[in-house]
PDB file of N, CA and C in Angstrom:
ATOM      1  N   MET A   1       9.551  16.954 -58.036  1.00  0.00           N
ATOM      2  CA  MET A   1      10.362  15.948 -58.900  1.00  0.00           C
ATOM      3  C   MET A   1       8.096  15.267 -58.396  1.00  0.00           C
ATOM      4  N   GLU A   2       7.184  14.344 -59.748  1.00  0.00           N
ATOM      5  CA  GLU A   2       6.224  14.080 -58.565  1.00  0.00           C
ATOM      6  C   GLU A   2       5.764  13.109 -58.882  1.00  0.00           C
ATOM      7  N   ARG A   3       5.539  12.367 -57.972  1.00  0.00           N
ATOM      8  CA  ARG A   3       5.415  10.863 -58.156  1.00  0.00           C
ATOM      9  C   ARG A   3       4.378  10.379 -58.791  1.00  0.00           C
ATOM     10  N   ASP A   4       4.028   9.219 -59.294  1.00  0.00           N
ATOM     11  CA  ASP A   4       3.491   8.974 -59.308  1.00  0.00           C
ATOM     12  C   ASP A   4       2.280   7.682 -58.153  1.00  0.00           C
ATOM     13  N   GLY A   5       1.334   7.740 -58.199  1.00  0.00           N
ATOM     14  CA  GLY A   5       0.208   7.468 -57.118  1.00  0.00           C
ATOM     15  C   GLY A   5       0.264   6.038 -57.679  1.00  0.00           C
ATOM     16  N   ASN A   6       0.112   5.591 -58.747  1.00  0.00           N
ATOM     17  CA  ASN A   6      -0.001   4.217 -58.943  1.00  0.00           C
ATOM     18  C   ASN A   6       1.399   3.244 -58.912  1.00  0.00           C
ATOM     19  N   ARG A   7       2.635   3.989 -58.762  1.00  0.00           N
ATOM     20  CA  ARG A   7       3.673   3.309 -58.778  1.00  0.00           C
ATOM     21  C   ARG A   7       4.218   2.778 -57.577  1.00  0.00           C
ATOM     22  N   PRO A   8       4.956   1.799 -57.572  1.00  0.00           N
ATOM     23  CA  PRO A   8       4.997   0.852 -56.371  1.00  0.00           C
ATOM     24  C   PRO A   8       5.617   1.335 -55.386  1.00  0.00           C
ATOM     25  N   GLY A   9       5.320   2.014 -53.863  1.00  0.00           N
ATOM     26  CA  GLY A   9       6.424   2.161 -53.569  1.00  0.00           C
ATOM     27  C   GLY A   9       5.409   4.027 -53.321  1.00  0.00           C
ATOM     28  N   SER A  10       4.881   4.354 -54.100  1.00  0.00           N
ATOM     29  CA  SER A  10       4.430   6.067 -53.709  1.00  0.00           C
ATOM     30  C   SER A  10       4.478   6.242 -52.779  1.00  0.00           C
ATOM     31  N   GLY A  11       3.957   5.703 -51.892  1.00  0.00           N
ATOM     32  CA  GLY A  11       3.158   6.014 -51.017  1.00  0.00           C
ATOM     33  C   GLY A  11       1.371   6.703 -50.718  1.00  0.00           C
ATOM     34  N   SER A  12       1.067   6.406 -52.132  1.00  0.00           N
ATOM     35  CA  SER A  12      -0.219   6.508 -52.168  1.00  0.00           C
ATOM     36  C   SER A  12      -0.880   6.349 -51.261  1.00  0.00           C
ATOM     37  N   ARG A  13      -1.011   4.403 -51.275  1.00  0.00           N
ATOM     38  CA  ARG A  13      -2.017   3.831 -51.175  1.00  0.00           C
ATOM     39  C   ARG A  13      -1.496   3.460 -48.778  1.00  0.00           C
ATOM     40  N   PRO A  14      -2.504   3.297 -48.437  1.00  0.00           N
ATOM     41  CA  PRO A  14      -2.761   2.812 -46.895  1.00  0.00           C
ATOM     42  C   PRO A  14      -1.509   2.029 -46.639  1.00  0.00           C
ATOM     43  N   GLY A  15      -0.244   1.314 -46.320  1.00  0.00           N
ATOM     44  CA  GLY A  15      -0.100  -0.137 -45.931  1.00  0.00           C
ATOM     45  C   GLY A  15       1.084  -0.528 -46.947  1.00  0.00           C
ATOM     46  N   SER A  16       1.604   0.526 -48.101  1.00  0.00           N
ATOM     47  CA  SER A  16       2.490   0.631 -48.779  1.00  0.00           C
ATOM     48  C   SER A  16       3.509   1.245 -48.643  1.00  0.00           C
ATOM     49  N   ARG A  17       4.693   0.938 -49.162  1.00  0.00           N
ATOM     50  CA  ARG A  17       6.348   0.756 -47.778  1.00  0.00           C
ATOM     51  C   ARG A  17       6.078   2.610 -47.912  1.00  0.00           C
ATOM     52  N   GLY A  18       5.734   2.992 -48.930  1.00  0.00           N
ATOM     53  CA  GLY A  18       5.586   4.602 -48.663  1.00  0.00           C
ATOM     54  C   GLY A  18       4.620   5.098 -47.519  1.00  0.00           C
ATOM     55  N   ALA A  19       4.090   4.891 -47.637  1.00  0.00           N
ATOM     56  CA  ALA A  19       3.235   5.503 -46.867  1.00  0.00           C
ATOM     57  C   ALA A  19       3.654   5.139 -44.720  1.00  0.00           C
ATOM     58  N   LEU A  20       5.068   3.651 -44.833  1.00  0.00           N
ATOM     59  CA  LEU A  20       5.540   3.985 -43.656  1.00  0.00           C
ATOM     60  C   LEU A  20       6.971   4.058 -43.944  1.00  0.00           C
ATOM     61  N   GLY A  21       7.506   5.507 -44.416  1.00  0.00           N
ATOM     62  CA  GLY A  21       8.488   6.038 -44.908  1.00  0.00           C
ATOM     63  C   GLY A  21       9.395   4.995 -45.285  1.00  0.00           C
ATOM     64  N   ILE A  22       9.119   3.775 -45.594  1.00  0.00           N
ATOM     65  CA  ILE A  22      10.486   2.640 -46.363  1.00  0.00           C
ATOM     66  C   ILE A  22      10.455   2.705 -47.946  1.00  0.00           C
ATOM     67  N   ALA A  23      10.398   3.835 -48.738  1.00  0.00           N
ATOM     68  CA  ALA A  23      10.083   4.005 -49.926  1.00  0.00           C
ATOM     69  C   ALA A  23      11.066   2.959 -50.694  1.00  0.00           C
ATOM     70  N   GLY A  24      10.937   2.547 -50.925  1.00  0.00           N
ATOM     71  CA  GLY A  24      11.752   1.268 -51.931  1.00  0.00           C
ATOM     72  C   GLY A  24      12.791   0.993 -51.469  1.00  0.00           C
ATOM     73  N   ALA A  25      12.643   0.024 -49.926  1.00  0.00           N
ATOM     74  CA  ALA A  25      13.017  -0.713 -49.688  1.00  0.00           C
ATOM     75  C   ALA A  25      12.992  -2.379 -49.292  1.00  0.00           C
ATOM     76  N   ASN A  26      14.089  -2.828 -49.224  1.00  0.00           N
ATOM     77  CA  ASN A  26      13.512  -4.384 -48.663  1.00  0.00           C
ATOM     78  C   ASN A  26      14.066  -5.055 -47.906  1.00  0.00           C
ATOM     79  N   ILE A  27      12.863  -5.277 -47.288  1.00  0.00           N
ATOM     80  CA  ILE A  27      13.690  -5.845 -46.327  1.00  0.00           C
ATOM     81  C   ILE A  27      13.096  -8.211 -46.596  1.00  0.00           C
ATOM     82  N   SER A  28      14.295  -8.486 -45.924  1.00  0.00           N
ATOM     83  CA  SER A  28      14.804  -9.885 -46.248  1.00  0.00           C
ATOM     84  C   SER A  28      14.133 -10.362 -45.074  1.00  0.00           C
ATOM     85  N   VAL A  29      13.839 -11.945 -45.212  1.00  0.00           N
ATOM     86  CA  VAL A  29      12.968 -13.146 -44.584  1.00  0.00           C
ATOM     87  C   VAL A  29      13.800 -12.896 -43.479  1.00  0.00           C
ATOM     88  N   LYS A  30      14.933 -12.927 -43.339  1.00  0.00           N
ATOM     89  CA  LYS A  30      15.698 -13.146 -42.013  1.00  0.00           C
ATOM     90  C   LYS A  30      16.676 -12.093 -41.321  1.00  0.00           C
ATOM     91  N   GLU A  31      15.355 -10.839 -42.051  1.00  0.00           N
ATOM     92  CA  GLU A  31      15.235  -9.827 -41.193  1.00  0.00           C
ATOM     93  C   GLU A  31      13.437  -9.729 -40.678  1.00  0.00           C
ATOM     94  N   SER A  32      13.428  -9.924 -41.454  1.00  0.00           N
ATOM     95  CA  SER A  32      11.453 -10.156 -41.452  1.00  0.00           C
ATOM     96  C   SER A  32      11.334 -11.333 -40.333  1.00  0.00           C
ATOM     97  N   LEU A  33      12.509 -11.996 -39.870  1.00  0.00           N
ATOM     98  CA  LEU A  33      11.907 -13.180 -38.731  1.00  0.00           C
ATOM     99  C   LEU A  33      13.149 -12.132 -37.284  1.00  0.00           C
ATOM    100  N   GLU A  34      13.997 -11.847 -37.248  1.00  0.00           N
ATOM    101  CA  GLU A  34      14.483 -11.472 -36.407  1.00  0.00           C
ATOM    102  C   GLU A  34      13.373  -9.936 -35.441  1.00  0.00           C
ATOM    103  N   ILE A  35      12.448  -9.699 -36.327  1.00  0.00           N
ATOM    104  CA  ILE A  35      11.474  -8.019 -35.835  1.00  0.00           C
ATOM    105  C   ILE A  35      10.292  -9.670 -35.540  1.00  0.00           C
ATOM    106  N   LEU A  36      10.146 -10.267 -36.070  1.00  0.00           N
ATOM    107  CA  LEU A  36       9.389 -11.472 -35.029  1.00  0.00           C
ATOM    108  C   LEU A  36       9.989 -11.606 -34.441  1.00  0.00           C
ATOM    109  N   GLN A  37      10.036 -12.087 -33.794  1.00  0.00           N
ATOM    110  CA  GLN A  37      11.614 -12.694 -32.445  1.00  0.00           C
ATOM    111  C   GLN A  37      11.082 -12.292 -31.177  1.00  0.00           C
ATOM    112  N   ASN A  38      11.973 -10.797 -32.451  1.00  0.00           N
ATOM    113  CA  ASN A  38      11.876  -9.805 -30.960  1.00  0.00           C
ATOM    114  C   ASN A  38      11.348  -8.907 -30.370  1.00  0.00           C
ATOM    115  N   ALA A  39       9.583  -9.032 -31.382  1.00  0.00           N
ATOM    116  CA  ALA A  39       8.148  -8.666 -31.573  1.00  0.00           C
ATOM    117  C   ALA A  39       8.607  -9.401 -30.213  1.00  0.00           C
ATOM    118  N   SER A  40       8.224 -11.460 -30.332  1.00  0.00           N
ATOM    119  CA  SER A  40       7.705 -11.948 -29.643  1.00  0.00           C
ATOM    120  C   SER A  40       8.357 -11.923 -28.733  1.00  0.00           C
ATOM    121  N   LYS A  41      10.272 -11.448 -28.307  1.00  0.00           N
ATOM    122  CA  LYS A  41      10.311 -10.859 -26.660  1.00  0.00           C
ATOM    123  C   LYS A  41       9.934  -9.979 -25.679  1.00  0.00           C
ATOM    124  N   SER A  42       9.649  -8.705 -26.270  1.00  0.00           N
ATOM    125  CA  SER A  42       9.306  -8.071 -26.860  1.00  0.00           C
ATOM    126  C   SER A  42       7.482  -8.284 -25.416  1.00  0.00           C
ATOM    127  N   SER A  43       7.116  -8.898 -26.040  1.00  0.00           N
ATOM    128  CA  SER A  43       5.531  -9.763 -25.417  1.00  0.00           C
ATOM    129  C   SER A  43       5.833 -10.695 -24.216  1.00  0.00           C
ATOM    130  N   GLU A  44       7.422 -11.613 -24.358  1.00  0.00           N
ATOM    131  CA  GLU A  44       7.189 -11.498 -22.570  1.00  0.00           C
ATOM    132  C   GLU A  44       7.338 -11.607 -22.109  1.00  0.00           C
ATOM    133  N   LYS A  45       8.524 -10.322 -22.511  1.00  0.00           N
ATOM    134  CA  LYS A  45       8.887  -9.458 -21.449  1.00  0.00           C
ATOM    135  C   LYS A  45       7.193  -8.402 -20.726  1.00  0.00           C
ATOM    136  N   ALA A  46       6.639  -8.018 -22.076  1.00  0.00           N
ATOM    137  CA  ALA A  46       5.616  -7.784 -21.443  1.00  0.00           C
ATOM    138  C   ALA A  46       4.704  -8.686 -20.469  1.00  0.00           C
ATOM    139  N   LEU A  47       4.561 -10.095 -20.316  1.00  0.00           N
ATOM    140  CA  LEU A  47       3.914 -10.339 -19.787  1.00  0.00           C
ATOM    141  C   LEU A  47       4.794 -10.444 -18.608  1.00  0.00           C
ATOM    142  N   GLU A  48       5.511 -11.413 -18.191  1.00  0.00           N
ATOM    143  CA  GLU A  48       6.735 -11.758 -17.073  1.00  0.00           C
ATOM    144  C   GLU A  48       6.578  -9.716 -16.014  1.00  0.00           C
ATOM    145  N   VAL A  49       6.230  -8.886 -16.179  1.00  0.00           N
ATOM    146  CA  VAL A  49       6.193  -7.255 -16.431  1.00  0.00           C
ATOM    147  C   VAL A  49       5.506  -7.559 -15.698  1.00  0.00           C
ATOM    148  N   GLN A  50       3.803  -7.352 -16.357  1.00  0.00           N
ATOM    149  CA  GLN A  50       2.751  -7.650 -15.536  1.00  0.00           C
ATOM    150  C   GLN A  50       2.215  -8.584 -14.429  1.00  0.00           C
ATOM    151  N   LYS A  51       3.260 -10.030 -14.572  1.00  0.00           N
ATOM    152  CA  LYS A  51       3.002 -10.439 -13.782  1.00  0.00           C
ATOM    153  C   LYS A  51       3.458  -9.325 -12.412  1.00  0.00           C
ATOM    154  N   GLU A  52       5.024  -9.644 -11.910  1.00  0.00           N
ATOM    155  CA  GLU A  52       5.530  -8.894 -11.554  1.00  0.00           C
ATOM    156  C   GLU A  52       4.924  -7.819 -10.757  1.00  0.00           C
ATOM    157  N   ALA A  53       4.313  -7.425 -11.580  1.00  0.00           N
ATOM    158  CA  ALA A  53       3.601  -5.735 -11.103  1.00  0.00           C
ATOM    159  C   ALA A  53       2.166  -5.935 -10.589  1.00  0.00           C
ATOM    160  N   ARG A  54       1.574  -7.845 -10.378  1.00  0.00           N
ATOM    161  CA  ARG A  54       0.648  -8.067  -9.869  1.00  0.00           C
ATOM    162  C   ARG A  54       1.197  -8.524  -8.693  1.00  0.00           C
ATOM    163  N   ALA A  55       2.232  -9.218  -8.764  1.00  0.00           N
ATOM    164  CA  ALA A  55       2.381  -9.871  -7.843  1.00  0.00           C
ATOM    165  C   ALA A  55       3.152  -8.911  -6.601  1.00  0.00           C
ATOM    166  N   ALA A  56       3.223  -7.726  -6.701  1.00  0.00           N
ATOM    167  CA  ALA A  56       3.874  -6.556  -6.297  1.00  0.00           C
ATOM    168  C   ALA A  56       2.129  -5.846  -5.792  1.00  0.00           C
ATOM    169  N   VAL A  57       1.452  -5.515  -6.508  1.00  0.00           N
ATOM    170  CA  VAL A  57       0.100  -5.199  -5.973  1.00  0.00           C
ATOM    171  C   VAL A  57      -0.805  -5.976  -4.662  1.00  0.00           C
ATOM    172  N   ALA A  58      -0.211  -7.047  -4.988  1.00  0.00           N
ATOM    173  CA  ALA A  58      -0.966  -7.970  -3.875  1.00  0.00           C
ATOM    174  C   ALA A  58      -0.011  -8.136  -2.534  1.00  0.00           C
ATOM    175  N   SER A  59       0.795  -8.117  -2.805  1.00  0.00           N
ATOM    176  CA  SER A  59       2.061  -7.987  -1.875  1.00  0.00           C
ATOM    177  C   SER A  59       2.014  -6.706  -1.150  1.00  0.00           C
ATOM    178  N   MET A  60       1.217  -5.450  -1.553  1.00  0.00           N
ATOM    179  CA  MET A  60       1.364  -4.536  -1.238  1.00  0.00           C
ATOM    180  C   MET A  60      -0.131  -4.317  -0.604  1.00  0.00           C
ATOM    181  N   LYS A  61      -1.386  -4.970  -1.326  1.00  0.00           N
ATOM    182  CA  LYS A  61      -2.422  -5.624  -0.147  1.00  0.00           C
ATOM    183  C   LYS A  61      -2.214  -6.110   0.998  1.00  0.00           C
ATOM    184  N   GLU A  62      -1.583  -7.548   0.892  1.00  0.00           N
ATOM    185  CA  GLU A  62      -1.603  -8.229   1.802  1.00  0.00           C
ATOM    186  C   GLU A  62      -0.723  -6.907   3.535  1.00  0.00           C
ATOM    187  N   ALA A  63       0.497  -6.321   3.288  1.00  0.00           N
ATOM    188  CA  ALA A  63       1.491  -5.294   4.074  1.00  0.00           C
ATOM    189  C   ALA A  63       0.634  -4.385   4.561  1.00  0.00           C
ATOM    190  N   SER A  64      -0.952  -4.001   3.989  1.00  0.00           N
ATOM    191  CA  SER A  64      -1.378  -2.492   4.010  1.00  0.00           C
ATOM    192  C   SER A  64      -2.809  -3.166   4.938  1.00  0.00           C
ATOM    193  N   ALA A  65      -3.581  -4.333   4.716  1.00  0.00           N
ATOM    194  CA  ALA A  65      -4.333  -5.238   5.593  1.00  0.00           C
ATOM    195  C   ALA A  65      -3.599  -5.366   7.236  1.00  0.00           C
ATOM    196  N   LYS A  66      -1.978  -6.152   7.217  1.00  0.00           N
ATOM    197  CA  LYS A  66      -1.451  -6.437   8.211  1.00  0.00           C
ATOM    198  C   LYS A  66      -1.246  -5.438   8.938  1.00  0.00           C
ATOM    199  N   PHE A  67      -1.212  -3.516   8.161  1.00  0.00           N
ATOM    200  CA  PHE A  67      -0.990  -2.136   9.185  1.00  0.00           C
ATOM    201  C   PHE A  67      -2.320  -1.973   9.804  1.00  0.00           C
ATOM    202  N   GLU A  68      -2.972  -2.511   8.788  1.00  0.00           N
ATOM    203  CA  GLU A  68      -4.791  -1.843  10.109  1.00  0.00           C
ATOM    204  C   GLU A  68      -4.154  -2.539  11.100  1.00  0.00           C
ATOM    205  N   GLN A  69      -4.612  -4.369  10.458  1.00  0.00           N
ATOM    206  CA  GLN A  69      -5.113  -4.945  11.350  1.00  0.00           C
ATOM    207  C   GLN A  69      -4.258  -4.791  13.157  1.00  0.00           C
ATOM    208  N   THR A  70      -2.809  -4.156  12.923  1.00  0.00           N
ATOM    209  CA  THR A  70      -1.787  -3.817  13.724  1.00  0.00           C
ATOM    210  C   THR A  70      -2.235  -2.837  14.047  1.00  0.00           C
ATOM    211  N   VAL A  71      -2.956  -1.248  13.269  1.00  0.00           N
ATOM    212  CA  VAL A  71      -3.342  -0.289  14.653  1.00  0.00           C
ATOM    213  C   VAL A  71      -4.773  -0.564  15.325  1.00  0.00           C
ATOM    214  N   ALA A  72      -5.450  -1.444  14.506  1.00  0.00           N
ATOM    215  CA  ALA A  72      -6.355  -1.684  15.641  1.00  0.00           C
ATOM    216  C   ALA A  72      -6.023  -2.501  17.087  1.00  0.00           C
ATOM    217  N   GLU A  73      -4.770  -3.348  16.509  1.00  0.00           N
ATOM    218  CA  GLU A  73      -4.589  -3.558  18.265  1.00  0.00           C
ATOM    219  C   GLU A  73      -4.687  -2.710  18.998  1.00  0.00           C
ATOM    220  N   ALA A  74      -3.225  -1.819  18.087  1.00  0.00           N
ATOM    221  CA  ALA A  74      -2.874  -0.533  19.380  1.00  0.00           C
ATOM    222  C   ALA A  74      -3.808   0.544  20.061  1.00  0.00           C
ATOM    223  N   GLU A  75      -4.717   0.018  19.046  1.00  0.00           N
ATOM    224  CA  GLU A  75      -5.923   1.239  19.983  1.00  0.00           C
ATOM    225  C   GLU A  75      -6.963   0.908  20.472  1.00  0.00           C
ATOM    226  N   LYS A  76      -7.164  -0.615  20.348  1.00  0.00           N
ATOM    227  CA  LYS A  76      -7.335  -1.826  21.794  1.00  0.00           C
ATOM    228  C   LYS A  76      -6.519  -1.158  23.042  1.00  0.00           C
ATOM    229  N   THR A  77      -5.615  -1.560  22.536  1.00  0.00           N
ATOM    230  CA  THR A  77      -4.107  -1.224  23.847  1.00  0.00           C
ATOM    231  C   THR A  77      -4.420  -0.273  24.762  1.00  0.00           C
ATOM    232  N   CYS A  78      -4.585   0.848  23.503  1.00  0.00           N
ATOM    233  CA  CYS A  78      -4.702   2.290  23.968  1.00  0.00           C
ATOM    234  C   CYS A  78      -5.878   2.028  24.822  1.00  0.00           C
ATOM    235  N   GLN A  79      -7.579   1.332  24.030  1.00  0.00           N
ATOM    236  CA  GLN A  79      -8.077   1.898  25.073  1.00  0.00           C
ATOM    237  C   GLN A  79      -8.564   1.070  26.413  1.00  0.00           C
ATOM    238  N   LYS A  80      -7.530   0.093  26.839  1.00  0.00           N
ATOM    239  CA  LYS A  80      -7.606  -0.779  27.747  1.00  0.00           C
ATOM    240  C   LYS A  80      -6.936   0.176  28.607  1.00  0.00           C
ATOM    241  N   GLY A  81      -5.739   0.627  28.346  1.00  0.00           N
ATOM    242  CA  GLY A  81      -4.465   1.161  29.111  1.00  0.00           C
ATOM    243  C   GLY A  81      -5.388   2.353  29.756  1.00  0.00           C
ATOM    244  N   SER A  82      -5.801   3.054  28.755  1.00  0.00           N
ATOM    245  CA  SER A  82      -7.092   4.175  28.825  1.00  0.00           C
ATOM    246  C   SER A  82      -8.317   4.226  30.382  1.00  0.00           C
ATOM    247  N   SER A  83      -8.981   2.695  29.940  1.00  0.00           N
ATOM    248  CA  SER A  83      -9.651   2.219  30.975  1.00  0.00           C
ATOM    249  C   SER A  83      -9.075   1.916  32.705  1.00  0.00           C
ATOM    250  N   LEU A  84      -7.955   1.676  31.940  1.00  0.00           N
ATOM    251  CA  LEU A  84      -6.723   0.973  33.373  1.00  0.00           C
ATOM    252  C   LEU A  84      -6.263   2.444  34.499  1.00  0.00           C
ATOM    253  N   ASP A  85      -6.324   3.087  33.636  1.00  0.00           N
ATOM    254  CA  ASP A  85      -5.929   4.792  34.258  1.00  0.00           C
ATOM    255  C   ASP A  85      -6.827   4.601  34.977  1.00  0.00           C
ATOM    256  N   GLU A  86      -8.619   4.526  34.887  1.00  0.00           N
ATOM    257  CA  GLU A  86      -8.844   5.135  34.783  1.00  0.00           C
ATOM    258  C   GLU A  86      -9.992   4.356  36.033  1.00  0.00           C
ATOM    259  N   LYS A  87      -9.571   3.511  36.108  1.00  0.00           N
ATOM    260  CA  LYS A  87      -9.594   2.394  36.988  1.00  0.00           C
ATOM    261  C   LYS A  87      -8.877   2.130  38.136  1.00  0.00           C
ATOM    262  N   TRP A  88      -7.563   2.654  37.778  1.00  0.00           N
ATOM    263  CA  TRP A  88      -6.579   2.609  39.219  1.00  0.00           C
ATOM    264  C   TRP A  88      -7.364   4.443  40.341  1.00  0.00           C
ATOM    265  N   GLU A  89      -7.616   5.555  39.162  1.00  0.00           N
ATOM    266  CA  GLU A  89      -7.508   6.976  39.968  1.00  0.00           C
ATOM    267  C   GLU A  89      -9.253   6.852  41.066  1.00  0.00           C
ATOM    268  N   GLU A  90     -10.185   5.686  40.026  1.00  0.00           N
ATOM    269  CA  GLU A  90     -11.281   5.182  41.613  1.00  0.00           C
ATOM    270  C   GLU A  90     -10.178   4.738  42.475  1.00  0.00           C
ATOM    271  N   PHE A  91      -9.264   3.182  42.482  1.00  0.00           N
ATOM    272  CA  PHE A  91      -9.078   3.192  42.930  1.00  0.00           C
ATOM    273  C   PHE A  91      -8.153   3.207  44.317  1.00  0.00           C
ATOM    274  N   LYS A  92      -7.254   4.459  43.652  1.00  0.00           N
ATOM    275  CA  LYS A  92      -6.543   4.887  44.549  1.00  0.00           C
ATOM    276  C   LYS A  92      -7.913   6.245  45.640  1.00  0.00           C
ATOM    277  N   ALA A  93      -9.398   6.801  45.008  1.00  0.00           N
ATOM    278  CA  ALA A  93      -9.964   7.985  46.257  1.00  0.00           C
ATOM    279  C   ALA A  93     -10.600   7.124  46.932  1.00  0.00           C
ATOM    280  N   LYS A  94     -10.347   5.771  46.191  1.00  0.00           N
ATOM    281  CA  LYS A  94     -11.743   5.139  47.411  1.00  0.00           C
ATOM    282  C   LYS A  94     -10.349   4.216  48.364  1.00  0.00           C
ATOM    283  N   PHE A  95      -9.344   4.615  48.344  1.00  0.00           N
ATOM    284  CA  PHE A  95      -8.227   3.601  49.221  1.00  0.00           C
ATOM    285  C   PHE A  95      -8.071   5.000  50.487  1.00  0.00           C
ATOM    286  N   GLU A  96      -8.514   6.544  50.172  1.00  0.00           N
ATOM    287  CA  GLU A  96      -7.597   7.462  50.607  1.00  0.00           C
ATOM    288  C   GLU A  96      -8.720   8.103  51.371  1.00  0.00           C
ATOM    289  N   ALA A  97     -10.200   7.502  50.668  1.00  0.00           N
ATOM    290  CA  ALA A  97     -11.402   7.818  51.863  1.00  0.00           C
ATOM    291  C   ALA A  97     -11.477   6.327  52.517  1.00  0.00           C
ATOM    292  N   LEU A  98     -11.699   5.826  52.014  1.00  0.00           N
ATOM    293  CA  LEU A  98     -10.708   4.306  53.073  1.00  0.00           C
ATOM    294  C   LEU A  98      -9.699   4.598  54.311  1.00  0.00           C
ATOM    295  N   ASN A  99      -9.259   5.192  54.150  1.00  0.00           N
ATOM    296  CA  ASN A  99      -7.619   5.877  54.845  1.00  0.00           C
ATOM    297  C   ASN A  99      -8.199   6.060  56.131  1.00  0.00           C
ATOM    298  N   ARG A 100      -9.388   7.804  55.470  1.00  0.00           N
ATOM    299  CA  ARG A 100      -9.287   8.385  56.550  1.00  0.00           C
ATOM    300  C   ARG A 100     -10.296   8.156  57.198  1.00  0.00           C
ATOM    301  N   MET A 101     -11.155   7.370  57.278  1.00  0.00           N
ATOM    302  CA  MET A 101     -12.127   6.745  57.794  1.00  0.00           C
ATOM    303  C   MET A 101     -11.655   5.698  59.036  1.00  0.00           C
ATOM    304  N   ALA A 102     -10.492   5.242  58.981  1.00  0.00           N
ATOM    305  CA  ALA A 102     -10.302   4.804  59.365  1.00  0.00           C
ATOM    306  C   ALA A 102      -9.256   5.470  60.368  1.00  0.00           C
ATOM    307  N   VAL A 103      -8.567   6.391  59.320  1.00  0.00           N
ATOM    308  CA  VAL A 103      -7.823   7.582  60.658  1.00  0.00           C
ATOM    309  C   VAL A 103      -9.267   7.958  61.327  1.00  0.00           C
ATOM    310  N   GLU A 104     -10.209   8.120  60.731  1.00  0.00           N
ATOM    311  CA  GLU A 104     -11.239   9.519  62.149  1.00  0.00           C
ATOM    312  C   GLU A 104     -11.635   8.239  63.273  1.00  0.00           C
ATOM    313  N   LYS A 105     -11.747   6.940  62.447  1.00  0.00           N
ATOM    314  CA  LYS A 105     -12.133   5.574  63.537  1.00  0.00           C
ATOM    315  C   LYS A 105     -10.747   5.308  65.277  1.00  0.00           C
ATOM    316  N   ILE A 106      -9.619   5.932  64.302  1.00  0.00           N
ATOM    317  CA  ILE A 106      -8.549   5.613  65.416  1.00  0.00           C
ATOM    318  C   ILE A 106      -8.586   6.595  66.308  1.00  0.00           C
ATOM    319  N   MET A 107      -9.166   7.996  65.970  1.00  0.00           N
ATOM    320  CA  MET A 107      -9.153   9.177  67.191  1.00  0.00           C
ATOM    321  C   MET A 107     -10.024   8.827  67.322  1.00  0.00           C
ATOM    322  N   GLY A 108     -11.424   8.720  67.209  1.00  0.00           N
ATOM    323  CA  GLY A 108     -12.341   8.396  67.887  1.00  0.00           C
ATOM    324  C   GLY A 108     -12.162   7.905  69.183  1.00  0.00           C
ATOM    325  N   LEU A 109     -11.370   6.500  68.900  1.00  0.00           N
ATOM    326  CA  LEU A 109     -12.060   5.095  69.599  1.00  0.00           C
ATOM    327  C   LEU A 109     -10.299   5.968  70.807  1.00  0.00           C
ATOM    328  N   GLY A 110      -9.337   7.108  70.535  1.00  0.00           N
ATOM    329  CA  GLY A 110      -8.982   7.442  71.216  1.00  0.00           C
ATOM    330  C   GLY A 110      -9.717   8.313  72.074  1.00  0.00           C
ATOM    331  N   GLY A 111     -10.357   9.319  71.578  1.00  0.00           N
ATOM    332  CA  GLY A 111     -10.354  10.338  72.233  1.00  0.00           C
ATOM    333  C   GLY A 111      -9.367  11.469  72.095  1.00  0.00           C
ATOM    334  N   GLY A 112      -8.188  11.682  71.324  1.00  0.00           N
ATOM    335  CA  GLY A 112      -7.400  13.147  70.416  1.00  0.00           C
ATOM    336  C   GLY A 112      -8.346  12.504  69.555  1.00  0.00           C
ATOM    337  N   SER A 113      -7.646  13.882  69.249  1.00  0.00           N
ATOM    338  CA  SER A 113      -7.439  15.586  68.123  1.00  0.00           C
ATOM    339  C   SER A 113      -6.885  14.563  66.619  1.00  0.00           C
ATOM    340  N   SER A 114      -7.089  15.407  65.060  1.00  0.00           N
ATOM    341  CA  SER A 114      -6.015  14.843  64.822  1.00  0.00           C
ATOM    342  C   SER A 114      -5.969  16.209  63.738  1.00  0.00           C
ATOM    343  N   ASP A 115      -4.167  16.516  63.087  1.00  0.00           N
ATOM    344  CA  ASP A 115      -4.502  17.936  62.514  1.00  0.00           C
ATOM    345  C   ASP A 115      -4.519  16.754  60.817  1.00  0.00           C
ATOM    346  N   LEU A 116      -4.499  15.932  61.146  1.00  0.00           N
ATOM    347  CA  LEU A 116      -4.753  16.107  59.296  1.00  0.00           C
ATOM    348  C   LEU A 116      -5.933  16.293  57.952  1.00  0.00           C
TER     349      LEU A 116
END
């Protein structure tokens, strides 16, 4: 069966009911209002979700910044610890040298020999 391209609902014109796949369908005003209300609710929900997503991104950025700060502080602490280890080793070496010198002086004063 052929359709007449000039008949309403034939689907030949863009935007006609036939072009939307609802040839001959009648939508009541009530149904139209419900569709519009649902679309409005969907838009509101989308805006709400966008707002929540933006808040989540901001929270993640803040957490990331805090994490980077913590890492930087930990690195500084490790560097201080490394520096302290170096100073401790330097102190021990000087202290051992001082002890050797003291033992040598004591041994030299007493005239004895040392097996150290």
